[in-house]
């Protein structure tokens, strides 16, 4: 496997294969972190805020579906927050 970016959060370890535009998230206590190639999911962008430690994974080309979480070392106190998918709807005029 080529270079894979690793990001740790309070409850997960995220692996981003940016060359293949796919990612995988595993629980921090998982014994096996690499699995079959079909266990990876596509992503369309990764935004990391160096100031806050927050990061956002774009799950569709429009960026309307996303995951948002925080790097574990960026949080002063570790909160056991489950990462959930969020939808971003277009602004209503």
PDB file of N, CA and C in Angstrom:
ATOM      1  N   UNK A   1       0.850  -1.182   0.000  1.00  0.00           N
ATOM      2  CA  UNK A   1       0.000   0.000   0.000  1.00  0.00           C
ATOM      3  C   UNK A   1       0.891   1.238   0.000  1.00  0.00           C
ATOM      4  N   UNK A   2       0.529   2.216  -0.798  1.00  0.00           N
ATOM      5  CA  UNK A   2       1.284   3.460  -0.865  1.00  0.00           C
ATOM      6  C   UNK A   2       1.029   4.280   0.399  1.00  0.00           C
ATOM      7  N   UNK A   3       1.459   5.519   0.384  1.00  0.00           N
ATOM      8  CA  UNK A   3       1.312   6.390   1.545  1.00  0.00           C
ATOM      9  C   UNK A   3      -0.144   6.530   1.938  1.00  0.00           C
ATOM     10  N   UNK A   4      -0.407   6.260   3.178  1.00  0.00           N
ATOM     11  CA  UNK A   4      -1.749   6.375   3.731  1.00  0.00           C
ATOM     12  C   UNK A   4      -1.663   7.322   4.916  1.00  0.00           C
ATOM     13  N   UNK A   5      -2.519   8.312   4.930  1.00  0.00           N
ATOM     14  CA  UNK A   5      -2.554   9.290   6.024  1.00  0.00           C
ATOM     15  C   UNK A   5      -3.336   8.698   7.187  1.00  0.00           C
ATOM     16  N   UNK A   6      -2.808   8.828   8.381  1.00  0.00           N
ATOM     17  CA  UNK A   6      -3.437   8.290   9.589  1.00  0.00           C
ATOM     18  C   UNK A   6      -3.837   9.460  10.484  1.00  0.00           C
ATOM     19  N   UNK A   7      -5.105   9.451  10.932  1.00  0.00           N
ATOM     20  CA  UNK A   7      -5.601  10.474  11.846  1.00  0.00           C
ATOM     21  C   UNK A   7      -6.264   9.762  13.020  1.00  0.00           C
ATOM     22  N   UNK A   8      -5.863  10.122  14.234  1.00  0.00           N
ATOM     23  CA  UNK A   8      -6.438   9.510  15.428  1.00  0.00           C
ATOM     24  C   UNK A   8      -7.431  10.455  16.088  1.00  0.00           C
ATOM     25  N   UNK A   9      -8.586   9.903  16.449  1.00  0.00           N
ATOM     26  CA  UNK A   9      -9.594  10.637  17.207  1.00  0.00           C
ATOM     27  C   UNK A   9      -9.792   9.920  18.536  1.00  0.00           C
ATOM     28  N   UNK A  10     -10.692  10.418  19.361  1.00  0.00           N
ATOM     29  CA  UNK A  10     -10.898   9.841  20.682  1.00  0.00           C
ATOM     30  C   UNK A  10     -11.318   8.376  20.625  1.00  0.00           C
ATOM     31  N   UNK A  11     -12.101   7.999  19.625  1.00  0.00           N
ATOM     32  CA  UNK A  11     -12.595   6.621  19.584  1.00  0.00           C
ATOM     33  C   UNK A  11     -12.236   5.855  18.317  1.00  0.00           C
ATOM     34  N   UNK A  12     -11.548   6.480  17.364  1.00  0.00           N
ATOM     35  CA  UNK A  12     -11.252   5.807  16.096  1.00  0.00           C
ATOM     36  C   UNK A  12      -9.879   6.174  15.572  1.00  0.00           C
ATOM     37  N   UNK A  13      -9.396   5.342  14.659  1.00  0.00           N
ATOM     38  CA  UNK A  13      -8.224   5.662  13.863  1.00  0.00           C
ATOM     39  C   UNK A  13      -8.702   5.664  12.415  1.00  0.00           C
ATOM     40  N   UNK A  14      -8.443   6.754  11.719  1.00  0.00           N
ATOM     41  CA  UNK A  14      -8.867   6.930  10.339  1.00  0.00           C
ATOM     42  C   UNK A  14      -7.657   6.752   9.439  1.00  0.00           C
ATOM     43  N   UNK A  15      -7.841   6.052   8.335  1.00  0.00           N
ATOM     44  CA  UNK A  15      -6.800   5.877   7.333  1.00  0.00           C
ATOM     45  C   UNK A  15      -7.319   6.445   6.017  1.00  0.00           C
ATOM     46  N   UNK A  16      -6.538   7.334   5.421  1.00  0.00           N
ATOM     47  CA  UNK A  16      -6.929   7.969   4.167  1.00  0.00           C
ATOM     48  C   UNK A  16      -5.908   7.625   3.088  1.00  0.00           C
ATOM     49  N   UNK A  17      -6.352   6.931   2.078  1.00  0.00           N
ATOM     50  CA  UNK A  17      -5.536   6.654   0.901  1.00  0.00           C
ATOM     51  C   UNK A  17      -5.942   7.713  -0.122  1.00  0.00           C
ATOM     52  N   UNK A  18      -5.227   8.825  -0.109  1.00  0.00           N
ATOM     53  CA  UNK A  18      -5.612   9.957  -0.940  1.00  0.00           C
ATOM     54  C   UNK A  18      -5.387   9.680  -2.424  1.00  0.00           C
ATOM     55  N   UNK A  19      -4.429   8.831  -2.755  1.00  0.00           N
ATOM     56  CA  UNK A  19      -4.184   8.489  -4.154  1.00  0.00           C
ATOM     57  C   UNK A  19      -5.381   7.754  -4.754  1.00  0.00           C
ATOM     58  N   UNK A  20      -5.994   6.889  -3.973  1.00  0.00           N
ATOM     59  CA  UNK A  20      -7.153   6.120  -4.446  1.00  0.00           C
ATOM     60  C   UNK A  20      -8.477   6.737  -4.019  1.00  0.00           C
ATOM     61  N   UNK A  21      -8.424   7.851  -3.282  1.00  0.00           N
ATOM     62  CA  UNK A  21      -9.618   8.566  -2.797  1.00  0.00           C
ATOM     63  C   UNK A  21     -10.548   7.636  -2.023  1.00  0.00           C
ATOM     64  N   UNK A  22      -9.958   6.923  -1.052  1.00  0.00           N
ATOM     65  CA  UNK A  22     -10.763   6.054  -0.206  1.00  0.00           C
ATOM     66  C   UNK A  22     -10.251   6.141   1.233  1.00  0.00           C
ATOM     67  N   UNK A  23     -11.147   5.843   2.173  1.00  0.00           N
ATOM     68  CA  UNK A  23     -10.765   5.904   3.576  1.00  0.00           C
ATOM     69  C   UNK A  23     -11.358   4.726   4.327  1.00  0.00           C
ATOM     70  N   UNK A  24     -10.814   4.519   5.511  1.00  0.00           N
ATOM     71  CA  UNK A  24     -11.290   3.466   6.397  1.00  0.00           C
ATOM     72  C   UNK A  24     -11.174   3.974   7.821  1.00  0.00           C
ATOM     73  N   UNK A  25     -12.166   3.680   8.636  1.00  0.00           N
ATOM     74  CA  UNK A  25     -12.159   4.073  10.050  1.00  0.00           C
ATOM     75  C   UNK A  25     -12.289   2.809  10.875  1.00  0.00           C
ATOM     76  N   UNK A  26     -11.416   2.663  11.875  1.00  0.00           N
ATOM     77  CA  UNK A  26     -11.461   1.490  12.745  1.00  0.00           C
ATOM     78  C   UNK A  26     -11.462   1.948  14.204  1.00  0.00           C
ATOM     79  N   UNK A  27     -12.069   1.165  15.091  1.00  0.00           N
ATOM     80  CA  UNK A  27     -12.037   1.503  16.515  1.00  0.00           C
ATOM     81  C   UNK A  27     -10.589   1.539  17.023  1.00  0.00           C
ATOM     82  N   UNK A  28     -10.312   2.406  17.970  1.00  0.00           N
ATOM     83  CA  UNK A  28      -8.961   2.538  18.512  1.00  0.00           C
ATOM     84  C   UNK A  28      -8.444   1.226  19.098  1.00  0.00           C
ATOM     85  N   UNK A  29      -9.313   0.397  19.610  1.00  0.00           N
ATOM     86  CA  UNK A  29      -8.874  -0.846  20.247  1.00  0.00           C
ATOM     87  C   UNK A  29      -8.880  -2.044  19.295  1.00  0.00           C
ATOM     88  N   UNK A  30      -9.056  -1.811  18.005  1.00  0.00           N
ATOM     89  CA  UNK A  30      -9.085  -2.912  17.031  1.00  0.00           C
ATOM     90  C   UNK A  30      -7.697  -3.534  16.913  1.00  0.00           C
ATOM     91  N   UNK A  31      -7.666  -4.848  16.813  1.00  0.00           N
ATOM     92  CA  UNK A  31      -6.383  -5.537  16.681  1.00  0.00           C
ATOM     93  C   UNK A  31      -5.889  -5.519  15.235  1.00  0.00           C
ATOM     94  N   UNK A  32      -6.790  -5.581  14.292  1.00  0.00           N
ATOM     95  CA  UNK A  32      -6.407  -5.584  12.883  1.00  0.00           C
ATOM     96  C   UNK A  32      -6.938  -4.315  12.235  1.00  0.00           C
ATOM     97  N   UNK A  33      -6.028  -3.482  11.722  1.00  0.00           N
ATOM     98  CA  UNK A  33      -6.464  -2.211  11.160  1.00  0.00           C
ATOM     99  C   UNK A  33      -6.591  -2.242   9.652  1.00  0.00           C
ATOM    100  N   UNK A  34      -5.954  -3.179   8.995  1.00  0.00           N
ATOM    101  CA  UNK A  34      -6.090  -3.275   7.543  1.00  0.00           C
ATOM    102  C   UNK A  34      -6.915  -4.493   7.206  1.00  0.00           C
ATOM    103  N   UNK A  35      -7.828  -4.314   6.312  1.00  0.00           N
ATOM    104  CA  UNK A  35      -8.749  -5.385   5.951  1.00  0.00           C
ATOM    105  C   UNK A  35      -8.806  -5.490   4.435  1.00  0.00           C
ATOM    106  N   UNK A  36      -9.765  -6.242   3.984  1.00  0.00           N
ATOM    107  CA  UNK A  36      -9.943  -6.414   2.538  1.00  0.00           C
ATOM    108  C   UNK A  36     -10.115  -5.059   1.864  1.00  0.00           C
ATOM    109  N   UNK A  37      -9.796  -5.032   0.594  1.00  0.00           N
ATOM    110  CA  UNK A  37      -9.893  -3.772  -0.143  1.00  0.00           C
ATOM    111  C   UNK A  37     -11.320  -3.267  -0.259  1.00  0.00           C
ATOM    112  N   UNK A  38     -12.325  -4.146  -0.110  1.00  0.00           N
ATOM    113  CA  UNK A  38     -13.711  -3.692  -0.212  1.00  0.00           C
ATOM    114  C   UNK A  38     -14.238  -3.092   1.092  1.00  0.00           C
ATOM    115  N   UNK A  39     -13.411  -3.026   2.133  1.00  0.00           N
ATOM    116  CA  UNK A  39     -13.808  -2.390   3.389  1.00  0.00           C
ATOM    117  C   UNK A  39     -13.524  -0.888   3.393  1.00  0.00           C
ATOM    118  N   UNK A  40     -12.917  -0.377   2.344  1.00  0.00           N
ATOM    119  CA  UNK A  40     -12.626   1.040   2.230  1.00  0.00           C
ATOM    120  C   UNK A  40     -13.813   1.734   1.574  1.00  0.00           C
ATOM    121  N   UNK A  41     -14.021   3.004   1.928  1.00  0.00           N
ATOM    122  CA  UNK A  41     -15.117   3.789   1.374  1.00  0.00           C
ATOM    123  C   UNK A  41     -14.547   4.960   0.573  1.00  0.00           C
ATOM    124  N   UNK A  42     -15.242   5.387  -0.478  1.00  0.00           N
ATOM    125  CA  UNK A  42     -14.757   6.534  -1.248  1.00  0.00           C
ATOM    126  C   UNK A  42     -14.945   7.839  -0.469  1.00  0.00           C
ATOM    127  N   UNK A  43     -14.077   8.807  -0.740  1.00  0.00           N
ATOM    128  CA  UNK A  43     -14.275  10.157  -0.207  1.00  0.00           C
ATOM    129  C   UNK A  43     -13.862  11.150  -1.274  1.00  0.00           C
ATOM    130  N   UNK A  44     -14.379  12.370  -1.149  1.00  0.00           N
ATOM    131  CA  UNK A  44     -14.207  13.369  -2.197  1.00  0.00           C
ATOM    132  C   UNK A  44     -13.470  14.609  -1.709  1.00  0.00           C
ATOM    133  N   UNK A  45     -12.968  14.561  -0.507  1.00  0.00           N
ATOM    134  CA  UNK A  45     -12.180  15.657   0.028  1.00  0.00           C
ATOM    135  C   UNK A  45     -11.931  15.453   1.503  1.00  0.00           C
ATOM    136  N   UNK A  46     -10.825  15.992   1.972  1.00  0.00           N
ATOM    137  CA  UNK A  46     -10.473  15.952   3.388  1.00  0.00           C
ATOM    138  C   UNK A  46     -10.002  17.339   3.767  1.00  0.00           C
ATOM    139  N   UNK A  47     -10.708  17.954   4.704  1.00  0.00           N
ATOM    140  CA  UNK A  47     -10.358  19.294   5.161  1.00  0.00           C
ATOM    141  C   UNK A  47      -9.921  19.201   6.616  1.00  0.00           C
ATOM    142  N   UNK A  48      -8.692  19.652   6.905  1.00  0.00           N
ATOM    143  CA  UNK A  48      -8.161  19.608   8.264  1.00  0.00           C
ATOM    144  C   UNK A  48      -7.862  21.039   8.698  1.00  0.00           C
ATOM    145  N   UNK A  49      -8.424  21.435   9.836  1.00  0.00           N
ATOM    146  CA  UNK A  49      -8.176  22.762  10.398  1.00  0.00           C
ATOM    147  C   UNK A  49      -7.048  22.634  11.415  1.00  0.00           C
ATOM    148  N   UNK A  50      -5.863  23.099  11.063  1.00  0.00           N
ATOM    149  CA  UNK A  50      -4.694  22.967  11.930  1.00  0.00           C
ATOM    150  C   UNK A  50      -4.856  23.728  13.239  1.00  0.00           C
ATOM    151  N   UNK A  51      -5.653  24.795  13.244  1.00  0.00           N
ATOM    152  CA  UNK A  51      -5.833  25.589  14.457  1.00  0.00           C
ATOM    153  C   UNK A  51      -6.704  24.897  15.498  1.00  0.00           C
ATOM    154  N   UNK A  52      -7.767  24.224  15.047  1.00  0.00           N
ATOM    155  CA  UNK A  52      -8.702  23.608  15.992  1.00  0.00           C
ATOM    156  C   UNK A  52      -8.549  22.096  16.101  1.00  0.00           C
ATOM    157  N   UNK A  53      -7.891  21.472  15.114  1.00  0.00           N
ATOM    158  CA  UNK A  53      -7.783  20.023  15.104  1.00  0.00           C
ATOM    159  C   UNK A  53      -9.015  19.341  14.549  1.00  0.00           C
ATOM    160  N   UNK A  54      -9.980  20.127  14.094  1.00  0.00           N
ATOM    161  CA  UNK A  54     -11.184  19.552  13.491  1.00  0.00           C
ATOM    162  C   UNK A  54     -10.867  19.106  12.079  1.00  0.00           C
ATOM    163  N   UNK A  55     -11.518  18.043  11.638  1.00  0.00           N
ATOM    164  CA  UNK A  55     -11.389  17.649  10.244  1.00  0.00           C
ATOM    165  C   UNK A  55     -12.736  17.190   9.723  1.00  0.00           C
ATOM    166  N   UNK A  56     -12.907  17.354   8.420  1.00  0.00           N
ATOM    167  CA  UNK A  56     -14.150  17.018   7.738  1.00  0.00           C
ATOM    168  C   UNK A  56     -13.829  16.140   6.548  1.00  0.00           C
ATOM    169  N   UNK A  57     -14.570  15.050   6.416  1.00  0.00           N
ATOM    170  CA  UNK A  57     -14.431  14.135   5.286  1.00  0.00           C
ATOM    171  C   UNK A  57     -15.653  14.328   4.399  1.00  0.00           C
ATOM    172  N   UNK A  58     -15.436  14.698   3.137  1.00  0.00           N
ATOM    173  CA  UNK A  58     -16.545  14.881   2.201  1.00  0.00           C
ATOM    174  C   UNK A  58     -16.898  13.522   1.604  1.00  0.00           C
ATOM    175  N   UNK A  59     -18.159  13.123   1.748  1.00  0.00           N
ATOM    176  CA  UNK A  59     -18.610  11.792   1.337  1.00  0.00           C
ATOM    177  C   UNK A  59     -19.257  11.754  -0.043  1.00  0.00           C
ATOM    178  N   UNK A  60     -19.508  12.924  -0.623  1.00  0.00           N
ATOM    179  CA  UNK A  60     -20.076  12.973  -1.976  1.00  0.00           C
ATOM    180  C   UNK A  60     -19.449  14.146  -2.719  1.00  0.00           C
ATOM    181  N   UNK A  61     -19.536  14.155  -4.031  1.00  0.00           N
ATOM    182  CA  UNK A  61     -18.880  15.205  -4.817  1.00  0.00           C
ATOM    183  C   UNK A  61     -19.350  16.616  -4.483  1.00  0.00           C
ATOM    184  N   UNK A  62     -20.609  16.775  -4.062  1.00  0.00           N
ATOM    185  CA  UNK A  62     -21.143  18.099  -3.739  1.00  0.00           C
ATOM    186  C   UNK A  62     -20.775  18.564  -2.336  1.00  0.00           C
ATOM    187  N   UNK A  63     -20.268  17.657  -1.509  1.00  0.00           N
ATOM    188  CA  UNK A  63     -19.929  18.010  -0.131  1.00  0.00           C
ATOM    189  C   UNK A  63     -21.141  18.151   0.767  1.00  0.00           C
ATOM    190  N   UNK A  64     -22.291  17.604   0.353  1.00  0.00           N
ATOM    191  CA  UNK A  64     -23.502  17.722   1.167  1.00  0.00           C
ATOM    192  C   UNK A  64     -23.586  16.623   2.231  1.00  0.00           C
ATOM    193  N   UNK A  65     -22.826  15.555   2.067  1.00  0.00           N
ATOM    194  CA  UNK A  65     -22.721  14.505   3.084  1.00  0.00           C
ATOM    195  C   UNK A  65     -21.284  14.510   3.582  1.00  0.00           C
ATOM    196  N   UNK A  66     -21.115  14.530   4.903  1.00  0.00           N
ATOM    197  CA  UNK A  66     -19.769  14.612   5.461  1.00  0.00           C
ATOM    198  C   UNK A  66     -19.693  14.019   6.850  1.00  0.00           C
ATOM    199  N   UNK A  67     -18.480  13.621   7.220  1.00  0.00           N
ATOM    200  CA  UNK A  67     -18.156  13.269   8.600  1.00  0.00           C
ATOM    201  C   UNK A  67     -17.320  14.401   9.150  1.00  0.00           C
ATOM    202  N   UNK A  68     -17.512  14.691  10.437  1.00  0.00           N
ATOM    203  CA  UNK A  68     -16.696  15.713  11.093  1.00  0.00           C
ATOM    204  C   UNK A  68     -16.237  15.158  12.426  1.00  0.00           C
ATOM    205  N   UNK A  69     -14.964  15.340  12.725  1.00  0.00           N
ATOM    206  CA  UNK A  69     -14.414  14.864  13.983  1.00  0.00           C
ATOM    207  C   UNK A  69     -13.213  15.724  14.349  1.00  0.00           C
ATOM    208  N   UNK A  70     -12.504  15.348  15.429  1.00  0.00           N
ATOM    209  CA  UNK A  70     -11.377  16.120  15.917  1.00  0.00           C
ATOM    210  C   UNK A  70     -10.209  15.203  16.214  1.00  0.00           C
ATOM    211  N   UNK A  71      -9.013  15.677  15.872  1.00  0.00           N
ATOM    212  CA  UNK A  71      -7.799  14.940  16.202  1.00  0.00           C
ATOM    213  C   UNK A  71      -7.700  14.816  17.715  1.00  0.00           C
ATOM    214  N   UNK A  72      -7.314  13.662  18.204  1.00  0.00           N
ATOM    215  CA  UNK A  72      -7.294  13.432  19.638  1.00  0.00           C
ATOM    216  C   UNK A  72      -6.301  14.348  20.347  1.00  0.00           C
ATOM    217  N   UNK A  73      -5.148  14.620  19.757  1.00  0.00           N
ATOM    218  CA  UNK A  73      -4.159  15.462  20.426  1.00  0.00           C
ATOM    219  C   UNK A  73      -4.554  16.936  20.427  1.00  0.00           C
ATOM    220  N   UNK A  74      -5.547  17.315  19.641  1.00  0.00           N
ATOM    221  CA  UNK A  74      -5.985  18.710  19.580  1.00  0.00           C
ATOM    222  C   UNK A  74      -6.978  19.046  20.686  1.00  0.00           C
ATOM    223  N   UNK A  75      -7.588  18.046  21.284  1.00  0.00           N
ATOM    224  CA  UNK A  75      -8.582  18.278  22.333  1.00  0.00           C
ATOM    225  C   UNK A  75      -7.888  18.342  23.685  1.00  0.00           C
ATOM    226  N   UNK A  76      -8.178  19.353  24.483  1.00  0.00           N
ATOM    227  CA  UNK A  76      -7.584  19.437  25.816  1.00  0.00           C
ATOM    228  C   UNK A  76      -8.122  18.335  26.705  1.00  0.00           C
ATOM    229  N   UNK A  77      -9.406  18.053  26.589  1.00  0.00           N
ATOM    230  CA  UNK A  77      -9.989  16.929  27.312  1.00  0.00           C
ATOM    231  C   UNK A  77     -10.604  16.014  26.275  1.00  0.00           C
ATOM    232  N   UNK A  78     -10.329  14.739  26.415  1.00  0.00           N
ATOM    233  CA  UNK A  78     -10.851  13.778  25.455  1.00  0.00           C
ATOM    234  C   UNK A  78     -12.295  13.471  25.797  1.00  0.00           C
ATOM    235  N   UNK A  79     -13.163  13.695  24.848  1.00  0.00           N
ATOM    236  CA  UNK A  79     -14.581  13.420  25.011  1.00  0.00           C
ATOM    237  C   UNK A  79     -14.902  12.234  24.122  1.00  0.00           C
ATOM    238  N   UNK A  80     -15.604  11.258  24.655  1.00  0.00           N
ATOM    239  CA  UNK A  80     -15.926  10.075  23.871  1.00  0.00           C
ATOM    240  C   UNK A  80     -17.141  10.357  23.011  1.00  0.00           C
ATOM    241  N   UNK A  81     -16.905  11.098  21.925  1.00  0.00           N
ATOM    242  CA  UNK A  81     -17.983  11.464  21.012  1.00  0.00           C
ATOM    243  C   UNK A  81     -17.983  10.509  19.838  1.00  0.00           C
ATOM    244  N   UNK A  82     -19.116   9.947  19.531  1.00  0.00           N
ATOM    245  CA  UNK A  82     -19.229   9.109  18.340  1.00  0.00           C
ATOM    246  C   UNK A  82     -19.306  10.017  17.127  1.00  0.00           C
ATOM    247  N   UNK A  83     -18.565   9.678  16.098  1.00  0.00           N
ATOM    248  CA  UNK A  83     -18.608  10.446  14.862  1.00  0.00           C
ATOM    249  C   UNK A  83     -19.838  10.032  14.084  1.00  0.00           C
ATOM    250  N   UNK A  84     -20.578  10.992  13.609  1.00  0.00           N
ATOM    251  CA  UNK A  84     -21.802  10.701  12.863  1.00  0.00           C
ATOM    252  C   UNK A  84     -21.769  11.432  11.536  1.00  0.00           C
ATOM    253  N   UNK A  85     -22.470  10.874  10.586  1.00  0.00           N
ATOM    254  CA  UNK A  85     -22.589  11.540   9.287  1.00  0.00           C
ATOM    255  C   UNK A  85     -23.530  12.716   9.433  1.00  0.00           C
ATOM    256  N   UNK A  86     -23.213  13.805   8.746  1.00  0.00           N
ATOM    257  CA  UNK A  86     -24.093  14.951   8.747  1.00  0.00           C
ATOM    258  C   UNK A  86     -24.369  15.355   7.311  1.00  0.00           C
ATOM    259  N   UNK A  87     -25.538  15.898   7.073  1.00  0.00           N
ATOM    260  CA  UNK A  87     -25.895  16.393   5.751  1.00  0.00           C
ATOM    261  C   UNK A  87     -25.907  17.900   5.758  1.00  0.00           C
ATOM    262  N   UNK A  88     -25.431  18.482   4.685  1.00  0.00           N
ATOM    263  CA  UNK A  88     -25.433  19.919   4.539  1.00  0.00           C
ATOM    264  C   UNK A  88     -26.386  20.260   3.414  1.00  0.00           C
ATOM    265  N   UNK A  89     -27.430  20.954   3.753  1.00  0.00           N
ATOM    266  CA  UNK A  89     -28.434  21.311   2.761  1.00  0.00           C
ATOM    267  C   UNK A  89     -28.123  22.676   2.173  1.00  0.00           C
ATOM    268  N   UNK A  90     -28.455  22.907   0.916  1.00  0.00           N
ATOM    269  CA  UNK A  90     -28.220  24.225   0.321  1.00  0.00           C
ATOM    270  C   UNK A  90     -28.988  25.314   1.077  1.00  0.00           C
ATOM    271  N   UNK A  91     -28.444  26.509   1.116  1.00  0.00           N
ATOM    272  CA  UNK A  91     -29.099  27.626   1.781  1.00  0.00           C
ATOM    273  C   UNK A  91     -30.393  27.963   1.092  1.00  0.00           C
ATOM    274  N   UNK A  92     -31.411  28.254   1.890  1.00  0.00           N
ATOM    275  CA  UNK A  92     -32.714  28.639   1.354  1.00  0.00           C
ATOM    276  C   UNK A  92     -32.764  30.160   1.241  1.00  0.00           C
ATOM    277  N   UNK A  93     -33.180  30.666   0.117  1.00  0.00           N
ATOM    278  CA  UNK A  93     -33.290  32.128  -0.062  1.00  0.00           C
ATOM    279  C   UNK A  93     -34.552  32.666   0.565  1.00  0.00           C
TER     280      UNK A  93
END
